[in-house]
């Protein structure tokens, strides 16, 4: 920051080394425009899985409290 070193922490919200096949299939359906692929609403569309098993418990809290 301003040419100085600083300490910061990075938290992972997803487990490492897990299978992402379900997410890839969701993205394929979304790109094709299939109506069941958008799990959001008119105000805020969702471009990712709502209930992703790869997200950790702490990750759910971090994602829920992130600034929008």
Protein backbone atom coordinates (compact mmCIF):
# COMPACT_ATOMS: atom_id res chain seq x y z
CA UNK A 1 0.00 0.00 0.00
CA UNK A 2 1.61 3.27 -1.13
CA UNK A 3 4.80 1.31 -1.75
CA UNK A 4 4.80 -0.19 1.77
CA UNK A 5 4.33 -3.78 2.80
CA UNK A 6 1.27 -4.63 4.83
CA UNK A 7 -0.26 -7.73 6.38
CA UNK A 8 -3.63 -9.04 5.30
CA UNK A 9 -5.52 -12.28 5.77
CA UNK A 10 -7.19 -14.20 2.99
CA UNK A 11 -9.94 -16.61 3.93
CA UNK A 12 -11.02 -19.42 1.65
CA UNK A 13 -14.75 -19.94 1.35
CA UNK A 14 -14.56 -23.25 -0.51
CA UNK A 15 -12.93 -26.58 0.16
CA UNK A 16 -9.86 -27.38 -1.90
CA UNK A 17 -9.61 -30.44 -4.12
CA UNK A 18 -13.34 -31.04 -4.54
CA UNK A 19 -15.17 -31.95 -7.73
CA UNK A 20 -16.64 -29.00 -9.62
CA UNK A 21 -18.68 -31.01 -12.14
CA UNK A 22 -22.03 -29.81 -10.75
CA UNK A 23 -20.93 -26.17 -11.03
CA UNK A 24 -19.69 -26.67 -14.60
CA UNK A 25 -23.00 -28.23 -15.62
CA UNK A 26 -24.88 -25.32 -14.01
CA UNK A 27 -22.76 -22.87 -16.03
CA UNK A 28 -23.42 -24.79 -19.25
CA UNK A 29 -27.19 -24.61 -18.65
CA UNK A 30 -26.91 -20.91 -17.82
CA UNK A 31 -24.97 -20.14 -21.01
CA UNK A 32 -27.53 -22.07 -23.07
CA UNK A 33 -30.25 -19.92 -21.50
CA UNK A 34 -32.22 -22.70 -19.89
CA UNK A 35 -34.78 -21.12 -17.54
CA UNK A 36 -34.04 -23.37 -14.55
CA UNK A 37 -30.40 -22.27 -14.55
CA UNK A 38 -31.02 -18.80 -13.05
CA UNK A 39 -31.73 -19.36 -9.37
CA UNK A 40 -31.99 -15.66 -8.54
CA UNK A 41 -34.86 -13.26 -9.05
CA UNK A 42 -35.63 -10.27 -11.28
CA UNK A 43 -33.77 -7.87 -9.00
CA UNK A 44 -30.65 -9.95 -8.44
CA UNK A 45 -29.92 -12.88 -10.77
CA UNK A 46 -27.72 -15.67 -9.45
CA UNK A 47 -24.80 -16.79 -11.57
CA UNK A 48 -23.66 -19.51 -9.20
CA UNK A 49 -25.12 -22.44 -7.33
CA UNK A 50 -27.15 -21.45 -4.28
CA UNK A 51 -26.47 -24.64 -2.32
CA UNK A 52 -22.89 -25.53 -3.26
CA UNK A 53 -21.49 -28.40 -1.17
CA UNK A 54 -17.96 -27.08 -1.66
CA UNK A 55 -18.60 -23.96 0.47
CA UNK A 56 -17.40 -24.28 4.08
CA UNK A 57 -19.42 -23.21 7.15
CA UNK A 58 -17.18 -20.19 7.65
CA UNK A 59 -17.40 -19.52 3.92
CA UNK A 60 -21.20 -19.29 4.12
CA UNK A 61 -20.92 -16.63 6.82
CA UNK A 62 -18.28 -14.69 4.88
CA UNK A 63 -20.33 -14.78 1.69
CA UNK A 64 -23.50 -13.75 3.49
CA UNK A 65 -21.83 -10.76 5.16
CA UNK A 66 -19.75 -9.51 2.22
CA UNK A 67 -20.37 -5.95 1.00
CA UNK A 68 -22.43 -5.77 -2.16
